[in-house]
PDB file of all heavy atoms in Angstrom:
ATOM      1  N   LYS A   1      28.834 -60.970   2.089  1.00  0.00           N
ATOM      2  CA  LYS A   1      27.689 -61.350   3.031  1.00  0.00           C
ATOM      3  C   LYS A   1      26.422 -61.185   2.325  1.00  0.00           C
ATOM      4  O   LYS A   1      26.283 -60.426   1.401  1.00  0.00           O
ATOM      5  CB  LYS A   1      27.753 -60.609   4.288  1.00  0.00           C
ATOM      6  CG  LYS A   1      29.036 -60.898   5.145  1.00  0.00           C
ATOM      7  CD  LYS A   1      28.960 -60.208   6.484  1.00  0.00           C
ATOM      8  CE  LYS A   1      30.086 -60.539   7.361  1.00  0.00           C
ATOM      9  NZ  LYS A   1      30.019 -59.948   8.749  1.00  0.00           N
ATOM     10  N   GLU A   2      25.430 -61.939   2.828  1.00  0.00           N
ATOM     11  CA  GLU A   2      24.070 -61.822   2.333  1.00  0.00           C
ATOM     12  C   GLU A   2      23.462 -60.439   2.808  1.00  0.00           C
ATOM     13  O   GLU A   2      23.850 -59.911   3.814  1.00  0.00           O
ATOM     14  CB  GLU A   2      23.231 -62.966   2.764  1.00  0.00           C
ATOM     15  CG  GLU A   2      23.597 -64.269   2.179  1.00  0.00           C
ATOM     16  CD  GLU A   2      22.577 -65.361   2.534  1.00  0.00           C
ATOM     17  OE1 GLU A   2      21.643 -65.125   3.287  1.00  0.00           O
ATOM     18  OE2 GLU A   2      22.795 -66.488   1.963  1.00  0.00           O
ATOM     19  N   ARG A   3      22.510 -60.002   1.950  1.00  0.00           N
ATOM     20  CA  ARG A   3      21.783 -58.816   2.340  1.00  0.00           C
ATOM     21  C   ARG A   3      20.954 -59.041   3.602  1.00  0.00           C
ATOM     22  O   ARG A   3      20.263 -60.082   3.654  1.00  0.00           O
ATOM     23  CB  ARG A   3      20.916 -58.337   1.212  1.00  0.00           C
ATOM     24  CG  ARG A   3      20.334 -56.950   1.290  1.00  0.00           C
ATOM     25  CD  ARG A   3      19.761 -56.519  -0.064  1.00  0.00           C
ATOM     26  NE  ARG A   3      20.772 -56.516  -1.159  1.00  0.00           N
ATOM     27  CZ  ARG A   3      20.547 -55.991  -2.364  1.00  0.00           C
ATOM     28  NH1 ARG A   3      19.343 -55.595  -2.639  1.00  0.00           N
ATOM     29  NH2 ARG A   3      21.513 -56.021  -3.285  1.00  0.00           N
ATOM     30  N   GLU A   4      21.096 -58.205   4.585  1.00  0.00           N
ATOM     31  CA  GLU A   4      20.384 -58.397   5.842  1.00  0.00           C
ATOM     32  C   GLU A   4      19.341 -57.329   6.104  1.00  0.00           C
ATOM     33  O   GLU A   4      19.478 -56.187   5.789  1.00  0.00           O
ATOM     34  CB  GLU A   4      21.345 -58.458   7.017  1.00  0.00           C
ATOM     35  CG  GLU A   4      22.123 -57.155   7.374  1.00  0.00           C
ATOM     36  CD  GLU A   4      22.878 -57.276   8.642  1.00  0.00           C
ATOM     37  OE1 GLU A   4      22.882 -58.333   9.281  1.00  0.00           O
ATOM     38  OE2 GLU A   4      23.449 -56.285   8.980  1.00  0.00           O
ATOM     39  N   PHE A   5      18.306 -57.789   6.842  1.00  0.00           N
ATOM     40  CA  PHE A   5      17.225 -56.870   7.156  1.00  0.00           C
ATOM     41  C   PHE A   5      17.671 -55.881   8.246  1.00  0.00           C
ATOM     42  O   PHE A   5      18.407 -56.199   9.137  1.00  0.00           O
ATOM     43  CB  PHE A   5      16.025 -57.761   7.742  1.00  0.00           C
ATOM     44  CG  PHE A   5      15.005 -56.911   8.386  1.00  0.00           C
ATOM     45  CD1 PHE A   5      14.073 -56.305   7.565  1.00  0.00           C
ATOM     46  CD2 PHE A   5      14.902 -56.893   9.723  1.00  0.00           C
ATOM     47  CE1 PHE A   5      13.058 -55.551   8.179  1.00  0.00           C
ATOM     48  CE2 PHE A   5      13.821 -56.143  10.376  1.00  0.00           C
ATOM     49  CZ  PHE A   5      12.952 -55.462   9.588  1.00  0.00           C
ATOM     50  N   VAL A   6      17.146 -54.623   8.062  1.00  0.00           N
ATOM     51  CA  VAL A   6      17.459 -53.601   9.043  1.00  0.00           C
ATOM     52  C   VAL A   6      16.190 -53.141   9.708  1.00  0.00           C
ATOM     53  O   VAL A   6      16.073 -53.081  10.889  1.00  0.00           O
ATOM     54  CB  VAL A   6      18.180 -52.411   8.381  1.00  0.00           C
ATOM     55  CG1 VAL A   6      18.406 -51.286   9.354  1.00  0.00           C
ATOM     56  CG2 VAL A   6      19.554 -52.869   7.797  1.00  0.00           C
ATOM     57  N   ALA A   7      15.188 -52.691   8.869  1.00  0.00           N
ATOM     58  CA  ALA A   7      13.945 -52.129   9.413  1.00  0.00           C
ATOM     59  C   ALA A   7      12.863 -52.213   8.365  1.00  0.00           C
ATOM     60  O   ALA A   7      13.116 -52.260   7.197  1.00  0.00           O
ATOM     61  CB  ALA A   7      14.172 -50.644   9.881  1.00  0.00           C
ATOM     62  N   ALA A   8      11.637 -52.233   8.870  1.00  0.00           N
ATOM     63  CA  ALA A   8      10.476 -52.271   8.012  1.00  0.00           C
ATOM     64  C   ALA A   8       9.337 -51.426   8.534  1.00  0.00           C
ATOM     65  O   ALA A   8       9.237 -51.256   9.707  1.00  0.00           O
ATOM     66  CB  ALA A   8       9.997 -53.686   7.760  1.00  0.00           C
ATOM     67  N   ILE A   9       8.477 -50.935   7.605  1.00  0.00           N
ATOM     68  CA  ILE A   9       7.386 -50.128   7.986  1.00  0.00           C
ATOM     69  C   ILE A   9       6.093 -50.446   7.225  1.00  0.00           C
ATOM     70  O   ILE A   9       6.189 -50.775   6.019  1.00  0.00           O
ATOM     71  CB  ILE A   9       7.692 -48.676   7.866  1.00  0.00           C
ATOM     72  CG1 ILE A   9       6.693 -47.772   8.482  1.00  0.00           C
ATOM     73  CG2 ILE A   9       7.993 -48.268   6.435  1.00  0.00           C
ATOM     74  CD1 ILE A   9       7.119 -46.346   8.697  1.00  0.00           C
ATOM     75  N   LYS A  10       5.031 -50.457   7.859  1.00  0.00           N
ATOM     76  CA  LYS A  10       3.704 -50.780   7.226  1.00  0.00           C
ATOM     77  C   LYS A  10       3.365 -49.625   6.264  1.00  0.00           C
ATOM     78  O   LYS A  10       3.873 -48.483   6.354  1.00  0.00           O
ATOM     79  CB  LYS A  10       2.669 -50.849   8.323  1.00  0.00           C
ATOM     80  CG  LYS A  10       1.210 -51.072   7.874  1.00  0.00           C
ATOM     81  CD  LYS A  10       0.271 -51.079   9.109  1.00  0.00           C
ATOM     82  CE  LYS A  10      -1.205 -51.292   8.667  1.00  0.00           C
ATOM     83  NZ  LYS A  10      -2.090 -51.211   9.835  1.00  0.00           N
ATOM     84  N   TRP A  11       2.508 -49.935   5.312  1.00  0.00           N
ATOM     85  CA  TRP A  11       2.072 -49.036   4.348  1.00  0.00           C
ATOM     86  C   TRP A  11       1.582 -47.705   4.925  1.00  0.00           C
ATOM     87  O   TRP A  11       1.890 -46.625   4.362  1.00  0.00           O
ATOM     88  CB  TRP A  11       0.990 -49.561   3.373  1.00  0.00           C
ATOM     89  CG  TRP A  11      -0.256 -49.920   4.086  1.00  0.00           C
ATOM     90  CD1 TRP A  11      -0.424 -51.158   4.669  1.00  0.00           C
ATOM     91  CD2 TRP A  11      -1.355 -49.116   4.339  1.00  0.00           C
ATOM     92  NE1 TRP A  11      -1.759 -51.154   5.225  1.00  0.00           N
ATOM     93  CE2 TRP A  11      -2.319 -49.943   5.063  1.00  0.00           C
ATOM     94  CE3 TRP A  11      -1.724 -47.798   4.071  1.00  0.00           C
ATOM     95  CZ2 TRP A  11      -3.545 -49.457   5.492  1.00  0.00           C
ATOM     96  CZ3 TRP A  11      -2.910 -47.345   4.413  1.00  0.00           C
ATOM     97  CH2 TRP A  11      -3.797 -48.140   5.176  1.00  0.00           C
ATOM     98  N   SER A  12       0.943 -47.716   6.055  1.00  0.00           N
ATOM     99  CA  SER A  12       0.375 -46.538   6.669  1.00  0.00           C
ATOM    100  C   SER A  12       1.392 -45.804   7.584  1.00  0.00           C
ATOM    101  O   SER A  12       1.087 -44.685   8.030  1.00  0.00           O
ATOM    102  CB  SER A  12      -0.874 -46.915   7.478  1.00  0.00           C
ATOM    103  OG  SER A  12      -0.533 -47.797   8.504  1.00  0.00           O
ATOM    104  N   GLY A  13       2.494 -46.504   7.881  1.00  0.00           N
ATOM    105  CA  GLY A  13       3.396 -45.924   8.827  1.00  0.00           C
ATOM    106  C   GLY A  13       3.141 -46.192  10.331  1.00  0.00           C
ATOM    107  O   GLY A  13       3.856 -45.800  11.163  1.00  0.00           O
ATOM    108  N   THR A  14       2.054 -46.901  10.598  1.00  0.00           N
ATOM    109  CA  THR A  14       1.582 -47.091  11.934  1.00  0.00           C
ATOM    110  C   THR A  14       2.259 -48.328  12.596  1.00  0.00           C
ATOM    111  O   THR A  14       2.066 -48.528  13.856  1.00  0.00           O
ATOM    112  CB  THR A  14       0.124 -47.284  12.032  1.00  0.00           C
ATOM    113  OG1 THR A  14      -0.290 -48.304  11.138  1.00  0.00           O
ATOM    114  CG2 THR A  14      -0.643 -45.982  11.608  1.00  0.00           C
ATOM    115  N   SER A  15       3.003 -49.072  11.858  1.00  0.00           N
ATOM    116  CA  SER A  15       3.748 -50.216  12.467  1.00  0.00           C
ATOM    117  C   SER A  15       5.115 -50.260  11.949  1.00  0.00           C
ATOM    118  O   SER A  15       5.357 -50.053  10.782  1.00  0.00           O
ATOM    119  CB  SER A  15       3.008 -51.590  12.172  1.00  0.00           C
ATOM    120  OG  SER A  15       1.769 -51.663  12.827  1.00  0.00           O
ATOM    121  N   THR A  16       6.092 -50.518  12.801  1.00  0.00           N
ATOM    122  CA  THR A  16       7.563 -50.675  12.443  1.00  0.00           C
ATOM    123  C   THR A  16       8.085 -51.883  13.069  1.00  0.00           C
ATOM    124  O   THR A  16       7.575 -52.360  14.078  1.00  0.00           O
ATOM    125  CB  THR A  16       8.313 -49.372  12.771  1.00  0.00           C
ATOM    126  OG1 THR A  16       8.203 -49.158  14.228  1.00  0.00           O
ATOM    127  CG2 THR A  16       7.789 -48.178  12.072  1.00  0.00           C
ATOM    128  N   TYR A  17       9.214 -52.336  12.530  1.00  0.00           N
ATOM    129  CA  TYR A  17       9.933 -53.515  13.066  1.00  0.00           C
ATOM    130  C   TYR A  17      11.421 -53.266  12.778  1.00  0.00           C
ATOM    131  O   TYR A  17      11.769 -52.782  11.694  1.00  0.00           O
ATOM    132  CB  TYR A  17       9.372 -54.745  12.512  1.00  0.00           C
ATOM    133  CG  TYR A  17       9.936 -56.053  13.090  1.00  0.00           C
ATOM    134  CD1 TYR A  17       9.466 -56.421  14.366  1.00  0.00           C
ATOM    135  CD2 TYR A  17      10.974 -56.775  12.491  1.00  0.00           C
ATOM    136  CE1 TYR A  17       9.998 -57.602  14.905  1.00  0.00           C
ATOM    137  CE2 TYR A  17      11.421 -57.887  12.979  1.00  0.00           C
ATOM    138  CZ  TYR A  17      10.975 -58.291  14.262  1.00  0.00           C
ATOM    139  OH  TYR A  17      11.450 -59.461  14.757  1.00  0.00           O
ATOM    140  N   TYR A  18      12.305 -53.734  13.725  1.00  0.00           N
ATOM    141  CA  TYR A  18      13.698 -53.541  13.539  1.00  0.00           C
ATOM    142  C   TYR A  18      14.488 -54.761  13.851  1.00  0.00           C
ATOM    143  O   TYR A  18      14.065 -55.582  14.738  1.00  0.00           O
ATOM    144  CB  TYR A  18      14.165 -52.425  14.549  1.00  0.00           C
ATOM    145  CG  TYR A  18      13.539 -51.081  14.314  1.00  0.00           C
ATOM    146  CD1 TYR A  18      12.379 -50.684  14.977  1.00  0.00           C
ATOM    147  CD2 TYR A  18      14.092 -50.198  13.463  1.00  0.00           C
ATOM    148  CE1 TYR A  18      11.748 -49.510  14.743  1.00  0.00           C
ATOM    149  CE2 TYR A  18      13.517 -48.883  13.230  1.00  0.00           C
ATOM    150  CZ  TYR A  18      12.323 -48.621  13.858  1.00  0.00           C
ATOM    151  OH  TYR A  18      11.769 -47.407  13.631  1.00  0.00           O
ATOM    152  N   ALA A  19      15.649 -54.832  13.214  1.00  0.00           N
ATOM    153  CA  ALA A  19      16.612 -55.914  13.584  1.00  0.00           C
ATOM    154  C   ALA A  19      17.107 -55.572  14.953  1.00  0.00           C
ATOM    155  O   ALA A  19      17.271 -54.397  15.363  1.00  0.00           O
ATOM    156  CB  ALA A  19      17.745 -55.951  12.598  1.00  0.00           C
ATOM    157  N   GLU A  20      17.502 -56.590  15.717  1.00  0.00           N
ATOM    158  CA  GLU A  20      17.990 -56.359  17.080  1.00  0.00           C
ATOM    159  C   GLU A  20      19.267 -55.507  17.074  1.00  0.00           C
ATOM    160  O   GLU A  20      19.434 -54.717  18.011  1.00  0.00           O
ATOM    161  CB  GLU A  20      18.265 -57.720  17.695  1.00  0.00           C
ATOM    162  CG  GLU A  20      17.011 -58.488  18.192  1.00  0.00           C
ATOM    163  CD  GLU A  20      16.241 -57.728  19.304  1.00  0.00           C
ATOM    164  OE1 GLU A  20      16.898 -57.129  20.121  1.00  0.00           O
ATOM    165  OE2 GLU A  20      14.949 -57.804  19.227  1.00  0.00           O
ATOM    166  N   SER A  21      20.042 -55.635  16.083  1.00  0.00           N
ATOM    167  CA  SER A  21      21.271 -54.898  16.031  1.00  0.00           C
ATOM    168  C   SER A  21      21.153 -53.438  15.905  1.00  0.00           C
ATOM    169  O   SER A  21      22.108 -52.647  16.210  1.00  0.00           O
ATOM    170  CB  SER A  21      22.159 -55.431  14.874  1.00  0.00           C
ATOM    171  OG  SER A  21      21.521 -55.265  13.626  1.00  0.00           O
ATOM    172  N   VAL A  22      19.956 -52.948  15.462  1.00  0.00           N
ATOM    173  CA  VAL A  22      19.804 -51.496  15.329  1.00  0.00           C
ATOM    174  C   VAL A  22      18.696 -50.925  16.188  1.00  0.00           C
ATOM    175  O   VAL A  22      18.509 -49.717  16.170  1.00  0.00           O
ATOM    176  CB  VAL A  22      19.550 -51.159  13.800  1.00  0.00           C
ATOM    177  CG1 VAL A  22      20.596 -51.806  12.902  1.00  0.00           C
ATOM    178  CG2 VAL A  22      18.108 -51.652  13.372  1.00  0.00           C
ATOM    179  N   LYS A  23      17.980 -51.800  16.895  1.00  0.00           N
ATOM    180  CA  LYS A  23      16.879 -51.333  17.720  1.00  0.00           C
ATOM    181  C   LYS A  23      17.319 -50.325  18.760  1.00  0.00           C
ATOM    182  O   LYS A  23      18.383 -50.543  19.418  1.00  0.00           O
ATOM    183  CB  LYS A  23      16.255 -52.522  18.391  1.00  0.00           C
ATOM    184  CG  LYS A  23      14.860 -52.299  18.939  1.00  0.00           C
ATOM    185  CD  LYS A  23      14.295 -53.603  19.504  1.00  0.00           C
ATOM    186  CE  LYS A  23      13.944 -54.568  18.458  1.00  0.00           C
ATOM    187  NZ  LYS A  23      13.271 -55.756  18.925  1.00  0.00           N
ATOM    188  N   GLY A  24      16.605 -49.215  18.857  1.00  0.00           N
ATOM    189  CA  GLY A  24      16.976 -48.161  19.807  1.00  0.00           C
ATOM    190  C   GLY A  24      17.914 -47.144  19.156  1.00  0.00           C
ATOM    191  O   GLY A  24      18.093 -46.033  19.787  1.00  0.00           O
ATOM    192  N   ARG A  25      18.544 -47.470  18.021  1.00  0.00           N
ATOM    193  CA  ARG A  25      19.436 -46.544  17.390  1.00  0.00           C
ATOM    194  C   ARG A  25      18.908 -45.946  16.061  1.00  0.00           C
ATOM    195  O   ARG A  25      19.138 -44.878  15.653  1.00  0.00           O
ATOM    196  CB  ARG A  25      20.807 -47.181  17.140  1.00  0.00           C
ATOM    197  CG  ARG A  25      21.423 -47.667  18.411  1.00  0.00           C
ATOM    198  CD  ARG A  25      22.911 -48.141  18.076  1.00  0.00           C
ATOM    199  NE  ARG A  25      22.947 -49.329  17.230  1.00  0.00           N
ATOM    200  CZ  ARG A  25      23.594 -49.238  16.076  1.00  0.00           C
ATOM    201  NH1 ARG A  25      24.221 -48.240  15.621  1.00  0.00           N
ATOM    202  NH2 ARG A  25      23.514 -50.424  15.280  1.00  0.00           N
ATOM    203  N   PHE A  26      18.197 -46.837  15.357  1.00  0.00           N
ATOM    204  CA  PHE A  26      17.694 -46.482  13.986  1.00  0.00           C
ATOM    205  C   PHE A  26      16.178 -46.259  14.103  1.00  0.00           C
ATOM    206  O   PHE A  26      15.443 -46.978  14.843  1.00  0.00           O
ATOM    207  CB  PHE A  26      17.938 -47.587  12.984  1.00  0.00           C
ATOM    208  CG  PHE A  26      19.398 -47.800  12.598  1.00  0.00           C
ATOM    209  CD1 PHE A  26      20.437 -47.138  13.283  1.00  0.00           C
ATOM    210  CD2 PHE A  26      19.747 -48.487  11.595  1.00  0.00           C
ATOM    211  CE1 PHE A  26      21.732 -47.265  12.889  1.00  0.00           C
ATOM    212  CE2 PHE A  26      21.057 -48.665  11.133  1.00  0.00           C
ATOM    213  CZ  PHE A  26      22.034 -48.086  11.768  1.00  0.00           C
ATOM    214  N   THR A  27      15.634 -45.420  13.222  1.00  0.00           N
ATOM    215  CA  THR A  27      14.182 -45.173  13.220  1.00  0.00           C
ATOM    216  C   THR A  27      13.793 -45.082  11.768  1.00  0.00           C
ATOM    217  O   THR A  27      14.319 -44.346  10.947  1.00  0.00           O
ATOM    218  CB  THR A  27      13.846 -43.872  13.860  1.00  0.00           C
ATOM    219  OG1 THR A  27      14.231 -43.907  15.204  1.00  0.00           O
ATOM    220  CG2 THR A  27      12.281 -43.692  13.793  1.00  0.00           C
ATOM    221  N   ILE A  28      12.834 -45.948  11.331  1.00  0.00           N
ATOM    222  CA  ILE A  28      12.259 -45.908  10.053  1.00  0.00           C
ATOM    223  C   ILE A  28      10.980 -45.137  10.023  1.00  0.00           C
ATOM    224  O   ILE A  28      10.173 -45.238  10.978  1.00  0.00           O
ATOM    225  CB  ILE A  28      12.033 -47.397   9.508  1.00  0.00           C
ATOM    226  CG1 ILE A  28      11.583 -47.375   8.030  1.00  0.00           C
ATOM    227  CG2 ILE A  28      10.913 -48.124  10.330  1.00  0.00           C
ATOM    228  CD1 ILE A  28      11.451 -48.724   7.417  1.00  0.00           C
ATOM    229  N   SER A  29      10.773 -44.355   8.974  1.00  0.00           N
ATOM    230  CA  SER A  29       9.576 -43.545   8.940  1.00  0.00           C
ATOM    231  C   SER A  29       9.204 -43.333   7.428  1.00  0.00           C
ATOM    232  O   SER A  29      10.016 -43.747   6.511  1.00  0.00           O
ATOM    233  CB  SER A  29       9.750 -42.190   9.560  1.00  0.00           C
ATOM    234  OG  SER A  29      10.740 -41.439   8.926  1.00  0.00           O
ATOM    235  N   ARG A  30       8.103 -42.745   7.133  1.00  0.00           N
ATOM    236  CA  ARG A  30       7.733 -42.466   5.764  1.00  0.00           C
ATOM    237  C   ARG A  30       6.782 -41.261   5.704  1.00  0.00           C
ATOM    238  O   ARG A  30       6.098 -40.937   6.689  1.00  0.00           O
ATOM    239  CB  ARG A  30       6.998 -43.732   5.219  1.00  0.00           C
ATOM    240  CG  ARG A  30       5.653 -44.114   5.885  1.00  0.00           C
ATOM    241  CD  ARG A  30       5.183 -45.447   5.343  1.00  0.00           C
ATOM    242  NE  ARG A  30       4.870 -45.498   3.895  1.00  0.00           N
ATOM    243  CZ  ARG A  30       4.872 -46.586   3.214  1.00  0.00           C
ATOM    244  NH1 ARG A  30       5.064 -47.744   3.815  1.00  0.00           N
ATOM    245  NH2 ARG A  30       4.610 -46.528   1.844  1.00  0.00           N
ATOM    246  N   ASP A  31       6.796 -40.601   4.587  1.00  0.00           N
ATOM    247  CA  ASP A  31       5.967 -39.529   4.296  1.00  0.00           C
ATOM    248  C   ASP A  31       5.260 -39.849   2.955  1.00  0.00           C
ATOM    249  O   ASP A  31       5.830 -39.672   1.948  1.00  0.00           O
ATOM    250  CB  ASP A  31       6.727 -38.150   4.150  1.00  0.00           C
ATOM    251  CG  ASP A  31       5.874 -36.991   4.070  1.00  0.00           C
ATOM    252  OD1 ASP A  31       4.701 -37.142   3.594  1.00  0.00           O
ATOM    253  OD2 ASP A  31       6.330 -35.893   4.327  1.00  0.00           O
ATOM    254  N   ASN A  32       4.050 -40.329   3.083  1.00  0.00           N
ATOM    255  CA  ASN A  32       3.322 -40.780   1.893  1.00  0.00           C
ATOM    256  C   ASN A  32       2.999 -39.618   0.938  1.00  0.00           C
ATOM    257  O   ASN A  32       2.875 -39.835  -0.254  1.00  0.00           O
ATOM    258  CB  ASN A  32       2.096 -41.551   2.299  1.00  0.00           C
ATOM    259  CG  ASN A  32       2.381 -42.926   2.805  1.00  0.00           C
ATOM    260  OD1 ASN A  32       3.499 -43.469   2.618  1.00  0.00           O
ATOM    261  ND2 ASN A  32       1.498 -43.577   3.512  1.00  0.00           N
TER     262      ASN A  32
END
């Protein structure tokens, strides 16, 4: 299968976005 998107986060960490299949279960974060 092709590589599929899961989650993304803005450079500052203030915006995130999730695939529908993981929304509510996965959390993306970052520690710069």
